[in-house]
Amino acid sequence: MRIFNLILAVMFVIFAFVQVNDPDPLIWIVIYGLLAASCVLAAFKVFMPKATAVLAVILIAYAVSFFPGVQEWMKSDDRSLLFDDIAKMQYPYIEESREFLGLLICVAVLAMHLVRWKRSQV
């Protein structure tokens, strides 16, 4: 599990780095930076369950704000636009859907850390 968490940490650092050109880079750099730190700590079996749970709740609340964009994407005729680099400029809901999915990945990793912490308490 250590190697997996370290790989995740590197992945989140890369995610943070590519956010530099995003319209809202600061928030995403902070989010992905916190996730990278959480993964490094989890790799060495250091868990902060309260902080992890609070961060997960904040990210879920933030993800809810993008849900209308996800609904619009789901109604679109060409759902493959989500993976088209040019489409984000044409359709704002594409960017919102991508951000929603990014937040879901973050929440899933935090949930994994909480489950690992809970199992280590038994």
PDB file of N, CA and C in Angstrom:
ATOM      1  N   MET A   1       0.826  -1.199   0.000  1.00  0.00           N
ATOM      2  CA  MET A   1       0.000   0.000   0.000  1.00  0.00           C
ATOM      3  C   MET A   1       0.867   1.258   0.000  1.00  0.00           C
ATOM      4  N   ARG A   2       2.070   1.146   0.525  1.00  0.00           N
ATOM      5  CA  ARG A   2       2.962   2.300   0.562  1.00  0.00           C
ATOM      6  C   ARG A   2       3.282   2.792  -0.845  1.00  0.00           C
ATOM      7  N   ILE A   3       3.637   1.856  -1.718  1.00  0.00           N
ATOM      8  CA  ILE A   3       3.994   2.236  -3.089  1.00  0.00           C
ATOM      9  C   ILE A   3       2.785   2.849  -3.791  1.00  0.00           C
ATOM     10  N   PHE A   4       1.614   2.267  -3.589  1.00  0.00           N
ATOM     11  CA  PHE A   4       0.390   2.785  -4.199  1.00  0.00           C
ATOM     12  C   PHE A   4       0.143   4.230  -3.767  1.00  0.00           C
ATOM     13  N   ASN A   5       0.276   4.511  -2.471  1.00  0.00           N
ATOM     14  CA  ASN A   5       0.071   5.874  -1.977  1.00  0.00           C
ATOM     15  C   ASN A   5       1.129   6.834  -2.499  1.00  0.00           C
ATOM     16  N   LEU A   6       2.352   6.368  -2.635  1.00  0.00           N
ATOM     17  CA  LEU A   6       3.394   7.242  -3.176  1.00  0.00           C
ATOM     18  C   LEU A   6       3.145   7.531  -4.661  1.00  0.00           C
ATOM     19  N   ILE A   7       2.656   6.544  -5.382  1.00  0.00           N
ATOM     20  CA  ILE A   7       2.285   6.772  -6.786  1.00  0.00           C
ATOM     21  C   ILE A   7       1.148   7.787  -6.869  1.00  0.00           C
ATOM     22  N   LEU A   8       0.160   7.633  -5.984  1.00  0.00           N
ATOM     23  CA  LEU A   8      -0.940   8.601  -5.945  1.00  0.00           C
ATOM     24  C   LEU A   8      -0.420  10.000  -5.613  1.00  0.00           C
ATOM     25  N   ALA A   9       0.520  10.091  -4.692  1.00  0.00           N
ATOM     26  CA  ALA A   9       1.086  11.390  -4.320  1.00  0.00           C
ATOM     27  C   ALA A   9       1.755  12.051  -5.528  1.00  0.00           C
ATOM     28  N   VAL A  10       2.521  11.284  -6.273  1.00  0.00           N
ATOM     29  CA  VAL A  10       3.174  11.820  -7.478  1.00  0.00           C
ATOM     30  C   VAL A  10       2.111  12.254  -8.488  1.00  0.00           C
ATOM     31  N   MET A  11       1.076  11.445  -8.637  1.00  0.00           N
ATOM     32  CA  MET A  11      -0.005  11.780  -9.562  1.00  0.00           C
ATOM     33  C   MET A  11      -0.656  13.111  -9.177  1.00  0.00           C
ATOM     34  N   PHE A  12      -0.923  13.310  -7.888  1.00  0.00           N
ATOM     35  CA  PHE A  12      -1.558  14.553  -7.459  1.00  0.00           C
ATOM     36  C   PHE A  12      -0.619  15.750  -7.595  1.00  0.00           C
ATOM     37  N   VAL A  13       0.663  15.546  -7.421  1.00  0.00           N
ATOM     38  CA  VAL A  13       1.629  16.636  -7.652  1.00  0.00           C
ATOM     39  C   VAL A  13       1.605  17.027  -9.129  1.00  0.00           C
ATOM     40  N   ILE A  14       1.564  16.036 -10.003  1.00  0.00           N
ATOM     41  CA  ILE A  14       1.477  16.323 -11.445  1.00  0.00           C
ATOM     42  C   ILE A  14       0.172  17.043 -11.757  1.00  0.00           C
ATOM     43  N   PHE A  15      -0.937  16.579 -11.174  1.00  0.00           N
ATOM     44  CA  PHE A  15      -2.223  17.256 -11.366  1.00  0.00           C
ATOM     45  C   PHE A  15      -2.124  18.720 -10.934  1.00  0.00           C
ATOM     46  N   ALA A  16      -1.494  18.971  -9.789  1.00  0.00           N
ATOM     47  CA  ALA A  16      -1.346  20.342  -9.300  1.00  0.00           C
ATOM     48  C   ALA A  16      -0.508  21.168 -10.268  1.00  0.00           C
ATOM     49  N   PHE A  17       0.544  20.576 -10.787  1.00  0.00           N
ATOM     50  CA  PHE A  17       1.433  21.293 -11.700  1.00  0.00           C
ATOM     51  C   PHE A  17       0.716  21.709 -12.982  1.00  0.00           C
ATOM     52  N   VAL A  18      -0.117  20.847 -13.537  1.00  0.00           N
ATOM     53  CA  VAL A  18      -0.787  21.177 -14.794  1.00  0.00           C
ATOM     54  C   VAL A  18      -1.941  22.160 -14.601  1.00  0.00           C
ATOM     55  N   GLN A  19      -2.286  22.476 -13.368  1.00  0.00           N
ATOM     56  CA  GLN A  19      -3.351  23.448 -13.107  1.00  0.00           C
ATOM     57  C   GLN A  19      -2.884  24.887 -13.258  1.00  0.00           C
ATOM     58  N   VAL A  20      -1.607  25.092 -13.471  1.00  0.00           N
ATOM     59  CA  VAL A  20      -1.059  26.449 -13.556  1.00  0.00           C
ATOM     60  C   VAL A  20      -1.757  27.256 -14.648  1.00  0.00           C
ATOM     61  N   ASN A  21      -2.131  26.629 -15.748  1.00  0.00           N
ATOM     62  CA  ASN A  21      -2.786  27.334 -16.854  1.00  0.00           C
ATOM     63  C   ASN A  21      -4.305  27.343 -16.751  1.00  0.00           C
ATOM     64  N   ASP A  22      -4.843  26.817 -15.673  1.00  0.00           N
ATOM     65  CA  ASP A  22      -6.288  26.747 -15.481  1.00  0.00           C
ATOM     66  C   ASP A  22      -6.826  28.134 -15.123  1.00  0.00           C
ATOM     67  N   PRO A  23      -8.106  28.402 -15.418  1.00  0.00           N
ATOM     68  CA  PRO A  23      -8.673  29.704 -15.034  1.00  0.00           C
ATOM     69  C   PRO A  23      -8.689  29.941 -13.523  1.00  0.00           C
ATOM     70  N   ASP A  24      -8.754  28.870 -12.729  1.00  0.00           N
ATOM     71  CA  ASP A  24      -8.767  28.996 -11.273  1.00  0.00           C
ATOM     72  C   ASP A  24      -7.671  28.107 -10.671  1.00  0.00           C
ATOM     73  N   PRO A  25      -6.402  28.438 -10.929  1.00  0.00           N
ATOM     74  CA  PRO A  25      -5.320  27.526 -10.548  1.00  0.00           C
ATOM     75  C   PRO A  25      -5.111  27.380  -9.048  1.00  0.00           C
ATOM     76  N   LEU A  26      -5.271  28.441  -8.296  1.00  0.00           N
ATOM     77  CA  LEU A  26      -4.920  28.394  -6.875  1.00  0.00           C
ATOM     78  C   LEU A  26      -5.720  27.340  -6.117  1.00  0.00           C
ATOM     79  N   ILE A  27      -7.014  27.316  -6.326  1.00  0.00           N
ATOM     80  CA  ILE A  27      -7.841  26.361  -5.587  1.00  0.00           C
ATOM     81  C   ILE A  27      -7.472  24.923  -5.938  1.00  0.00           C
ATOM     82  N   TRP A  28      -7.188  24.663  -7.216  1.00  0.00           N
ATOM     83  CA  TRP A  28      -6.858  23.299  -7.631  1.00  0.00           C
ATOM     84  C   TRP A  28      -5.462  22.893  -7.193  1.00  0.00           C
ATOM     85  N   ILE A  29      -4.540  23.826  -7.182  1.00  0.00           N
ATOM     86  CA  ILE A  29      -3.194  23.517  -6.683  1.00  0.00           C
ATOM     87  C   ILE A  29      -3.259  23.175  -5.202  1.00  0.00           C
ATOM     88  N   VAL A  30      -4.071  23.910  -4.452  1.00  0.00           N
ATOM     89  CA  VAL A  30      -4.232  23.627  -3.020  1.00  0.00           C
ATOM     90  C   VAL A  30      -4.898  22.259  -2.819  1.00  0.00           C
ATOM     91  N   ILE A  31      -5.973  21.998  -3.573  1.00  0.00           N
ATOM     92  CA  ILE A  31      -6.681  20.716  -3.429  1.00  0.00           C
ATOM     93  C   ILE A  31      -5.739  19.559  -3.731  1.00  0.00           C
ATOM     94  N   TYR A  32      -5.102  19.605  -4.887  1.00  0.00           N
ATOM     95  CA  TYR A  32      -4.230  18.493  -5.269  1.00  0.00           C
ATOM     96  C   TYR A  32      -2.987  18.418  -4.379  1.00  0.00           C
ATOM     97  N   GLY A  33      -2.517  19.557  -3.889  1.00  0.00           N
ATOM     98  CA  GLY A  33      -1.394  19.548  -2.954  1.00  0.00           C
ATOM     99  C   GLY A  33      -1.756  18.874  -1.636  1.00  0.00           C
ATOM    100  N   LEU A  34      -2.954  19.169  -1.141  1.00  0.00           N
ATOM    101  CA  LEU A  34      -3.413  18.521   0.091  1.00  0.00           C
ATOM    102  C   LEU A  34      -3.579  17.017  -0.100  1.00  0.00           C
ATOM    103  N   LEU A  35      -4.068  16.632  -1.266  1.00  0.00           N
ATOM    104  CA  LEU A  35      -4.218  15.198  -1.536  1.00  0.00           C
ATOM    105  C   LEU A  35      -2.859  14.518  -1.635  1.00  0.00           C
ATOM    106  N   ALA A  36      -1.902  15.177  -2.258  1.00  0.00           N
ATOM    107  CA  ALA A  36      -0.548  14.612  -2.347  1.00  0.00           C
ATOM    108  C   ALA A  36       0.028  14.432  -0.943  1.00  0.00           C
ATOM    109  N   ALA A  37      -0.147  15.432  -0.090  1.00  0.00           N
ATOM    110  CA  ALA A  37       0.349  15.339   1.283  1.00  0.00           C
ATOM    111  C   ALA A  37      -0.346  14.214   2.043  1.00  0.00           C
ATOM    112  N   SER A  38      -1.644  14.093   1.856  1.00  0.00           N
ATOM    113  CA  SER A  38      -2.396  13.020   2.509  1.00  0.00           C
ATOM    114  C   SER A  38      -1.883  11.648   2.079  1.00  0.00           C
ATOM    115  N   CYS A  39      -1.568  11.518   0.801  1.00  0.00           N
ATOM    116  CA  CYS A  39      -1.059  10.234   0.293  1.00  0.00           C
ATOM    117  C   CYS A  39       0.327   9.917   0.853  1.00  0.00           C
ATOM    118  N   VAL A  40       1.171  10.922   0.958  1.00  0.00           N
ATOM    119  CA  VAL A  40       2.507  10.694   1.532  1.00  0.00           C
ATOM    120  C   VAL A  40       2.374  10.275   2.986  1.00  0.00           C
ATOM    121  N   LEU A  41       1.530  10.967   3.740  1.00  0.00           N
ATOM    122  CA  LEU A  41       1.325  10.597   5.143  1.00  0.00           C
ATOM    123  C   LEU A  41       0.767   9.182   5.256  1.00  0.00           C
ATOM    124  N   ALA A  42      -0.206   8.845   4.419  1.00  0.00           N
ATOM    125  CA  ALA A  42      -0.795   7.506   4.456  1.00  0.00           C
ATOM    126  C   ALA A  42       0.227   6.436   4.083  1.00  0.00           C
ATOM    127  N   ALA A  43       1.146   6.779   3.203  1.00  0.00           N
ATOM    128  CA  ALA A  43       2.190   5.817   2.816  1.00  0.00           C
ATOM    129  C   ALA A  43       3.023   5.413   4.025  1.00  0.00           C
ATOM    130  N   PHE A  44       3.160   6.328   4.973  1.00  0.00           N
ATOM    131  CA  PHE A  44       3.936   6.043   6.181  1.00  0.00           C
ATOM    132  C   PHE A  44       3.040   5.808   7.397  1.00  0.00           C
ATOM    133  N   LYS A  45       1.778   5.462   7.110  1.00  0.00           N
ATOM    134  CA  LYS A  45       0.785   5.103   8.125  1.00  0.00           C
ATOM    135  C   LYS A  45       0.544   6.200   9.154  1.00  0.00           C
ATOM    136  N   VAL A  46       0.588   7.439   8.679  1.00  0.00           N
ATOM    137  CA  VAL A  46       0.237   8.590   9.509  1.00  0.00           C
ATOM    138  C   VAL A  46      -1.110   9.080   9.004  1.00  0.00           C
ATOM    139  N   PHE A  47      -2.123   8.939   9.850  1.00  0.00           N
ATOM    140  CA  PHE A  47      -3.481   9.311   9.455  1.00  0.00           C
ATOM    141  C   PHE A  47      -3.986  10.431  10.350  1.00  0.00           C
ATOM    142  N   MET A  48      -4.683  11.358   9.751  1.00  0.00           N
ATOM    143  CA  MET A  48      -5.340  12.437  10.487  1.00  0.00           C
ATOM    144  C   MET A  48      -6.822  12.359  10.131  1.00  0.00           C
ATOM    145  N   PRO A  49      -7.563  11.470  10.813  1.00  0.00           N
ATOM    146  CA  PRO A  49      -8.936  11.187  10.388  1.00  0.00           C
ATOM    147  C   PRO A  49      -9.876  12.389  10.422  1.00  0.00           C
ATOM    148  N   LYS A  50      -9.757  13.240  11.414  1.00  0.00           N
ATOM    149  CA  LYS A  50     -10.664  14.395  11.482  1.00  0.00           C
ATOM    150  C   LYS A  50     -10.406  15.353  10.325  1.00  0.00           C
ATOM    151  N   ALA A  51      -9.143  15.657  10.078  1.00  0.00           N
ATOM    152  CA  ALA A  51      -8.795  16.557   8.970  1.00  0.00           C
ATOM    153  C   ALA A  51      -9.176  15.937   7.632  1.00  0.00           C
ATOM    154  N   THR A  52      -8.985  14.630   7.507  1.00  0.00           N
ATOM    155  CA  THR A  52      -9.335  13.934   6.271  1.00  0.00           C
ATOM    156  C   THR A  52     -10.835  13.986   6.037  1.00  0.00           C
ATOM    157  N   ALA A  53     -11.611  13.753   7.081  1.00  0.00           N
ATOM    158  CA  ALA A  53     -13.075  13.782   6.955  1.00  0.00           C
ATOM    159  C   ALA A  53     -13.567  15.191   6.622  1.00  0.00           C
ATOM    160  N   VAL A  54     -13.002  16.187   7.259  1.00  0.00           N
ATOM    161  CA  VAL A  54     -13.396  17.574   6.977  1.00  0.00           C
ATOM    162  C   VAL A  54     -13.073  17.930   5.528  1.00  0.00           C
ATOM    163  N   LEU A  55     -11.886  17.561   5.075  1.00  0.00           N
ATOM    164  CA  LEU A  55     -11.505  17.830   3.690  1.00  0.00           C
ATOM    165  C   LEU A  55     -12.441  17.116   2.722  1.00  0.00           C
ATOM    166  N   ALA A  56     -12.798  15.884   3.022  1.00  0.00           N
ATOM    167  CA  ALA A  56     -13.714  15.130   2.158  1.00  0.00           C
ATOM    168  C   ALA A  56     -15.077  15.823   2.075  1.00  0.00           C
ATOM    169  N   VAL A  57     -15.581  16.294   3.194  1.00  0.00           N
ATOM    170  CA  VAL A  57     -16.881  16.980   3.205  1.00  0.00           C
ATOM    171  C   VAL A  57     -16.804  18.276   2.396  1.00  0.00           C
ATOM    172  N   ILE A  58     -15.719  19.013   2.549  1.00  0.00           N
ATOM    173  CA  ILE A  58     -15.546  20.256   1.781  1.00  0.00           C
ATOM    174  C   ILE A  58     -15.505  19.959   0.283  1.00  0.00           C
ATOM    175  N   LEU A  59     -14.771  18.911  -0.092  1.00  0.00           N
ATOM    176  CA  LEU A  59     -14.661  18.565  -1.509  1.00  0.00           C
ATOM    177  C   LEU A  59     -15.989  18.067  -2.073  1.00  0.00           C
ATOM    178  N   ILE A  60     -16.750  17.337  -1.266  1.00  0.00           N
ATOM    179  CA  ILE A  60     -18.078  16.897  -1.715  1.00  0.00           C
ATOM    180  C   ILE A  60     -18.979  18.114  -1.933  1.00  0.00           C
ATOM    181  N   ALA A  61     -18.941  19.047  -1.004  1.00  0.00           N
ATOM    182  CA  ALA A  61     -19.758  20.261  -1.143  1.00  0.00           C
ATOM    183  C   ALA A  61     -19.349  21.044  -2.391  1.00  0.00           C
ATOM    184  N   TYR A  62     -18.065  21.128  -2.647  1.00  0.00           N
ATOM    185  CA  TYR A  62     -17.575  21.825  -3.839  1.00  0.00           C
ATOM    186  C   TYR A  62     -18.004  21.080  -5.102  1.00  0.00           C
ATOM    187  N   ALA A  63     -17.973  19.755  -5.059  1.00  0.00           N
ATOM    188  CA  ALA A  63     -18.374  18.948  -6.214  1.00  0.00           C
ATOM    189  C   ALA A  63     -19.852  19.168  -6.543  1.00  0.00           C
ATOM    190  N   VAL A  64     -20.674  19.331  -5.515  1.00  0.00           N
ATOM    191  CA  VAL A  64     -22.105  19.555  -5.739  1.00  0.00           C
ATOM    192  C   VAL A  64     -22.329  20.819  -6.577  1.00  0.00           C
ATOM    193  N   SER A  65     -21.464  21.808  -6.399  1.00  0.00           N
ATOM    194  CA  SER A  65     -21.626  23.044  -7.175  1.00  0.00           C
ATOM    195  C   SER A  65     -21.408  22.820  -8.677  1.00  0.00           C
ATOM    196  N   PHE A  66     -20.735  21.741  -9.047  1.00  0.00           N
ATOM    197  CA  PHE A  66     -20.496  21.438 -10.458  1.00  0.00           C
ATOM    198  C   PHE A  66     -21.522  20.468 -11.031  1.00  0.00           C
ATOM    199  N   PHE A  67     -22.436  19.992 -10.208  1.00  0.00           N
ATOM    200  CA  PHE A  67     -23.382  18.979 -10.668  1.00  0.00           C
ATOM    201  C   PHE A  67     -24.278  19.442 -11.819  1.00  0.00           C
ATOM    202  N   PRO A  68     -24.726  20.702 -11.850  1.00  0.00           N
ATOM    203  CA  PRO A  68     -25.515  21.128 -13.018  1.00  0.00           C
ATOM    204  C   PRO A  68     -24.746  20.963 -14.337  1.00  0.00           C
ATOM    205  N   GLY A  69     -23.458  21.224 -14.328  1.00  0.00           N
ATOM    206  CA  GLY A  69     -22.649  21.020 -15.527  1.00  0.00           C
ATOM    207  C   GLY A  69     -22.571  19.554 -15.919  1.00  0.00           C
ATOM    208  N   VAL A  70     -22.496  18.676 -14.916  1.00  0.00           N
ATOM    209  CA  VAL A  70     -22.468  17.234 -15.185  1.00  0.00           C
ATOM    210  C   VAL A  70     -23.796  16.797 -15.799  1.00  0.00           C
ATOM    211  N   GLN A  71     -24.890  17.325 -15.272  1.00  0.00           N
ATOM    212  CA  GLN A  71     -26.205  16.989 -15.829  1.00  0.00           C
ATOM    213  C   GLN A  71     -26.309  17.433 -17.286  1.00  0.00           C
ATOM    214  N   GLU A  72     -25.797  18.623 -17.570  1.00  0.00           N
ATOM    215  CA  GLU A  72     -25.831  19.119 -18.951  1.00  0.00           C
ATOM    216  C   GLU A  72     -24.974  18.240 -19.860  1.00  0.00           C
ATOM    217  N   TRP A  73     -23.824  17.815 -19.366  1.00  0.00           N
ATOM    218  CA  TRP A  73     -22.950  16.928 -20.147  1.00  0.00           C
ATOM    219  C   TRP A  73     -23.649  15.596 -20.415  1.00  0.00           C
ATOM    220  N   MET A  74     -24.335  15.063 -19.406  1.00  0.00           N
ATOM    221  CA  MET A  74     -25.037  13.789 -19.568  1.00  0.00           C
ATOM    222  C   MET A  74     -26.164  13.896 -20.607  1.00  0.00           C
ATOM    223  N   LYS A  75     -26.753  15.072 -20.756  1.00  0.00           N
ATOM    224  CA  LYS A  75     -27.817  15.280 -21.733  1.00  0.00           C
ATOM    225  C   LYS A  75     -27.278  15.535 -23.145  1.00  0.00           C
ATOM    226  N   SER A  76     -25.990  15.838 -23.254  1.00  0.00           N
ATOM    227  CA  SER A  76     -25.429  16.181 -24.568  1.00  0.00           C
ATOM    228  C   SER A  76     -25.393  14.965 -25.486  1.00  0.00           C
ATOM    229  N   ASP A  77     -25.422  15.242 -26.764  1.00  0.00           N
ATOM    230  CA  ASP A  77     -25.400  14.171 -27.759  1.00  0.00           C
ATOM    231  C   ASP A  77     -24.039  13.487 -27.837  1.00  0.00           C
ATOM    232  N   ASP A  78     -22.988  14.257 -27.666  1.00  0.00           N
ATOM    233  CA  ASP A  78     -21.625  13.707 -27.806  1.00  0.00           C
ATOM    234  C   ASP A  78     -20.915  13.764 -26.464  1.00  0.00           C
ATOM    235  N   ARG A  79     -21.039  12.710 -25.662  1.00  0.00           N
ATOM    236  CA  ARG A  79     -20.407  12.672 -24.336  1.00  0.00           C
ATOM    237  C   ARG A  79     -18.899  12.529 -24.426  1.00  0.00           C
ATOM    238  N   SER A  80     -18.388  12.152 -25.582  1.00  0.00           N
ATOM    239  CA  SER A  80     -16.936  12.008 -25.733  1.00  0.00           C
ATOM    240  C   SER A  80     -16.225  13.356 -25.701  1.00  0.00           C
ATOM    241  N   LEU A  81     -16.979  14.452 -25.771  1.00  0.00           N
ATOM    242  CA  LEU A  81     -16.364  15.776 -25.699  1.00  0.00           C
ATOM    243  C   LEU A  81     -15.617  15.996 -24.386  1.00  0.00           C
ATOM    244  N   LEU A  82     -15.963  15.224 -23.377  1.00  0.00           N
ATOM    245  CA  LEU A  82     -15.294  15.346 -22.081  1.00  0.00           C
ATOM    246  C   LEU A  82     -13.791  15.117 -22.219  1.00  0.00           C
ATOM    247  N   PHE A  83     -13.406  14.321 -23.189  1.00  0.00           N
ATOM    248  CA  PHE A  83     -12.003  13.965 -23.377  1.00  0.00           C
ATOM    249  C   PHE A  83     -11.346  14.739 -24.509  1.00  0.00           C
ATOM    250  N   ASP A  84     -12.054  15.722 -25.066  1.00  0.00           N
ATOM    251  CA  ASP A  84     -11.539  16.545 -26.155  1.00  0.00           C
ATOM    252  C   ASP A  84     -10.945  17.813 -25.566  1.00  0.00           C
ATOM    253  N   ASP A  85      -9.713  18.119 -25.887  1.00  0.00           N
ATOM    254  CA  ASP A  85      -9.035  19.271 -25.299  1.00  0.00           C
ATOM    255  C   ASP A  85      -9.611  20.593 -25.791  1.00  0.00           C
ATOM    256  N   ILE A  86     -10.132  20.629 -26.997  1.00  0.00           N
ATOM    257  CA  ILE A  86     -10.673  21.859 -27.561  1.00  0.00           C
ATOM    258  C   ILE A  86     -12.065  22.159 -27.017  1.00  0.00           C
ATOM    259  N   ALA A  87     -12.818  21.138 -26.671  1.00  0.00           N
ATOM    260  CA  ALA A  87     -14.226  21.297 -26.292  1.00  0.00           C
ATOM    261  C   ALA A  87     -14.425  22.169 -25.063  1.00  0.00           C
ATOM    262  N   LYS A  88     -13.460  22.219 -24.164  1.00  0.00           N
ATOM    263  CA  LYS A  88     -13.678  22.979 -22.937  1.00  0.00           C
ATOM    264  C   LYS A  88     -13.870  24.471 -23.214  1.00  0.00           C
ATOM    265  N   MET A  89     -13.318  24.942 -24.312  1.00  0.00           N
ATOM    266  CA  MET A  89     -13.493  26.346 -24.658  1.00  0.00           C
ATOM    267  C   MET A  89     -14.890  26.602 -25.240  1.00  0.00           C
ATOM    268  N   GLN A  90     -15.458  25.605 -25.896  1.00  0.00           N
ATOM    269  CA  GLN A  90     -16.755  25.766 -26.534  1.00  0.00           C
ATOM    270  C   GLN A  90     -17.914  25.564 -25.562  1.00  0.00           C
ATOM    271  N   TYR A  91     -17.746  24.657 -24.609  1.00  0.00           N
ATOM    272  CA  TYR A  91     -18.832  24.272 -23.721  1.00  0.00           C
ATOM    273  C   TYR A  91     -18.368  24.344 -22.267  1.00  0.00           C
ATOM    274  N   PRO A  92     -18.870  25.310 -21.503  1.00  0.00           N
ATOM    275  CA  PRO A  92     -18.454  25.427 -20.093  1.00  0.00           C
ATOM    276  C   PRO A  92     -18.766  24.183 -19.264  1.00  0.00           C
ATOM    277  N   TYR A  93     -19.828  23.460 -19.622  1.00  0.00           N
ATOM    278  CA  TYR A  93     -20.187  22.284 -18.844  1.00  0.00           C
ATOM    279  C   TYR A  93     -19.137  21.181 -18.929  1.00  0.00           C
ATOM    280  N   ILE A  94     -18.316  21.210 -19.970  1.00  0.00           N
ATOM    281  CA  ILE A  94     -17.243  20.216 -20.086  1.00  0.00           C
ATOM    282  C   ILE A  94     -16.226  20.434 -18.961  1.00  0.00           C
ATOM    283  N   GLU A  95     -15.825  21.681 -18.760  1.00  0.00           N
ATOM    284  CA  GLU A  95     -14.871  21.992 -17.690  1.00  0.00           C
ATOM    285  C   GLU A  95     -15.470  21.665 -16.326  1.00  0.00           C
ATOM    286  N   GLU A  96     -16.743  21.974 -16.137  1.00  0.00           N
ATOM    287  CA  GLU A  96     -17.400  21.668 -14.868  1.00  0.00           C
ATOM    288  C   GLU A  96     -17.461  20.164 -14.629  1.00  0.00           C
ATOM    289  N   SER A  97     -17.726  19.409 -15.672  1.00  0.00           N
ATOM    290  CA  SER A  97     -17.782  17.948 -15.541  1.00  0.00           C
ATOM    291  C   SER A  97     -16.411  17.383 -15.203  1.00  0.00           C
ATOM    292  N   ARG A  98     -15.380  17.912 -15.830  1.00  0.00           N
ATOM    293  CA  ARG A  98     -14.012  17.460 -15.533  1.00  0.00           C
ATOM    294  C   ARG A  98     -13.637  17.776 -14.096  1.00  0.00           C
ATOM    295  N   GLU A  99     -14.003  18.964 -13.640  1.00  0.00           N
ATOM    296  CA  GLU A  99     -13.684  19.330 -12.264  1.00  0.00           C
ATOM    297  C   GLU A  99     -14.466  18.458 -11.280  1.00  0.00           C
ATOM    298  N   PHE A 100     -15.698  18.157 -11.602  1.00  0.00           N
ATOM    299  CA  PHE A 100     -16.503  17.261 -10.771  1.00  0.00           C
ATOM    300  C   PHE A 100     -15.834  15.891 -10.660  1.00  0.00           C
ATOM    301  N   LEU A 101     -15.406  15.349 -11.786  1.00  0.00           N
ATOM    302  CA  LEU A 101     -14.748  14.037 -11.767  1.00  0.00           C
ATOM    303  C   LEU A 101     -13.427  14.078 -11.002  1.00  0.00           C
ATOM    304  N   GLY A 102     -12.680  15.162 -11.136  1.00  0.00           N
ATOM    305  CA  GLY A 102     -11.446  15.310 -10.367  1.00  0.00           C
ATOM    306  C   GLY A 102     -11.717  15.309  -8.872  1.00  0.00           C
ATOM    307  N   LEU A 103     -12.777  15.983  -8.476  1.00  0.00           N
ATOM    308  CA  LEU A 103     -13.138  16.006  -7.057  1.00  0.00           C
ATOM    309  C   LEU A 103     -13.597  14.634  -6.579  1.00  0.00           C
ATOM    310  N   LEU A 104     -14.286  13.892  -7.433  1.00  0.00           N
ATOM    311  CA  LEU A 104     -14.684  12.529  -7.051  1.00  0.00           C
ATOM    312  C   LEU A 104     -13.468  11.640  -6.822  1.00  0.00           C
ATOM    313  N   ILE A 105     -12.463  11.794  -7.658  1.00  0.00           N
ATOM    314  CA  ILE A 105     -11.217  11.031  -7.458  1.00  0.00           C
ATOM    315  C   ILE A 105     -10.612  11.391  -6.109  1.00  0.00           C
ATOM    316  N   CYS A 106     -10.568  12.674  -5.804  1.00  0.00           N
ATOM    317  CA  CYS A 106     -10.007  13.120  -4.525  1.00  0.00           C
ATOM    318  C   CYS A 106     -10.780  12.547  -3.340  1.00  0.00           C
ATOM    319  N   VAL A 107     -12.095  12.600  -3.413  1.00  0.00           N
ATOM    320  CA  VAL A 107     -12.925  12.082  -2.320  1.00  0.00           C
ATOM    321  C   VAL A 107     -12.730  10.573  -2.174  1.00  0.00           C
ATOM    322  N   ALA A 108     -12.609   9.863  -3.287  1.00  0.00           N
ATOM    323  CA  ALA A 108     -12.389   8.411  -3.223  1.00  0.00           C
ATOM    324  C   ALA A 108     -11.066   8.086  -2.532  1.00  0.00           C
ATOM    325  N   VAL A 109     -10.029   8.853  -2.821  1.00  0.00           N
ATOM    326  CA  VAL A 109      -8.731   8.618  -2.173  1.00  0.00           C
ATOM    327  C   VAL A 109      -8.834   8.920  -0.676  1.00  0.00           C
ATOM    328  N   LEU A 110      -9.501  10.011  -0.324  1.00  0.00           N
ATOM    329  CA  LEU A 110      -9.661  10.333   1.097  1.00  0.00           C
ATOM    330  C   LEU A 110     -10.477   9.265   1.813  1.00  0.00           C
ATOM    331  N   ALA A 111     -11.509   8.757   1.156  1.00  0.00           N
ATOM    332  CA  ALA A 111     -12.305   7.679   1.750  1.00  0.00           C
ATOM    333  C   ALA A 111     -11.444   6.437   1.965  1.00  0.00           C
ATOM    334  N   MET A 112     -10.584   6.141   1.008  1.00  0.00           N
ATOM    335  CA  MET A 112      -9.667   5.004   1.145  1.00  0.00           C
ATOM    336  C   MET A 112      -8.763   5.201   2.375  1.00  0.00           C
ATOM    337  N   HIS A 113      -8.276   6.424   2.567  1.00  0.00           N
ATOM    338  CA  HIS A 113      -7.418   6.690   3.726  1.00  0.00           C
ATOM    339  C   HIS A 113      -8.193   6.528   5.030  1.00  0.00           C
ATOM    340  N   LEU A 114      -9.447   6.970   5.046  1.00  0.00           N
ATOM    341  CA  LEU A 114     -10.255   6.798   6.256  1.00  0.00           C
ATOM    342  C   LEU A 114     -10.520   5.329   6.554  1.00  0.00           C
ATOM    343  N   VAL A 115     -10.774   4.549   5.528  1.00  0.00           N
ATOM    344  CA  VAL A 115     -10.997   3.110   5.724  1.00  0.00           C
ATOM    345  C   VAL A 115      -9.728   2.450   6.248  1.00  0.00           C
ATOM    346  N   ARG A 116      -8.583   2.810   5.682  1.00  0.00           N
ATOM    347  CA  ARG A 116      -7.312   2.241   6.162  1.00  0.00           C
ATOM    348  C   ARG A 116      -7.053   2.628   7.613  1.00  0.00           C
ATOM    349  N   TRP A 117      -7.357   3.884   7.972  1.00  0.00           N
ATOM    350  CA  TRP A 117      -7.174   4.313   9.353  1.00  0.00           C
ATOM    351  C   TRP A 117      -8.088   3.509  10.285  1.00  0.00           C
ATOM    352  N   LYS A 118      -9.345   3.348   9.880  1.00  0.00           N
ATOM    353  CA  LYS A 118     -10.304   2.611  10.710  1.00  0.00           C
ATOM    354  C   LYS A 118      -9.862   1.170  10.911  1.00  0.00           C
ATOM    355  N   ARG A 119      -9.371   0.532   9.857  1.00  0.00           N
ATOM    356  CA  ARG A 119      -8.889  -0.848   9.965  1.00  0.00           C
ATOM    357  C   ARG A 119      -7.648  -0.953  10.841  1.00  0.00           C
ATOM    358  N   SER A 120      -6.839   0.080  10.873  1.00  0.00           N
ATOM    359  CA  SER A 120      -5.638   0.031  11.712  1.00  0.00           C
ATOM    360  C   SER A 120      -5.968   0.200  13.192  1.00  0.00           C
ATOM    361  N   GLN A 121      -7.190   0.670  13.480  1.00  0.00           N
ATOM    362  CA  GLN A 121      -7.623   0.861  14.863  1.00  0.00           C
ATOM    363  C   GLN A 121      -8.158  -0.413  15.492  1.00  0.00           C
ATOM    364  N   VAL A 122      -8.458  -1.417  14.693  1.00  0.00           N
ATOM    365  CA  VAL A 122      -9.046  -2.667  15.194  1.00  0.00           C
ATOM    366  C   VAL A 122      -7.990  -3.570  15.770  1.00  0.00           C
TER     367      VAL A 122
END
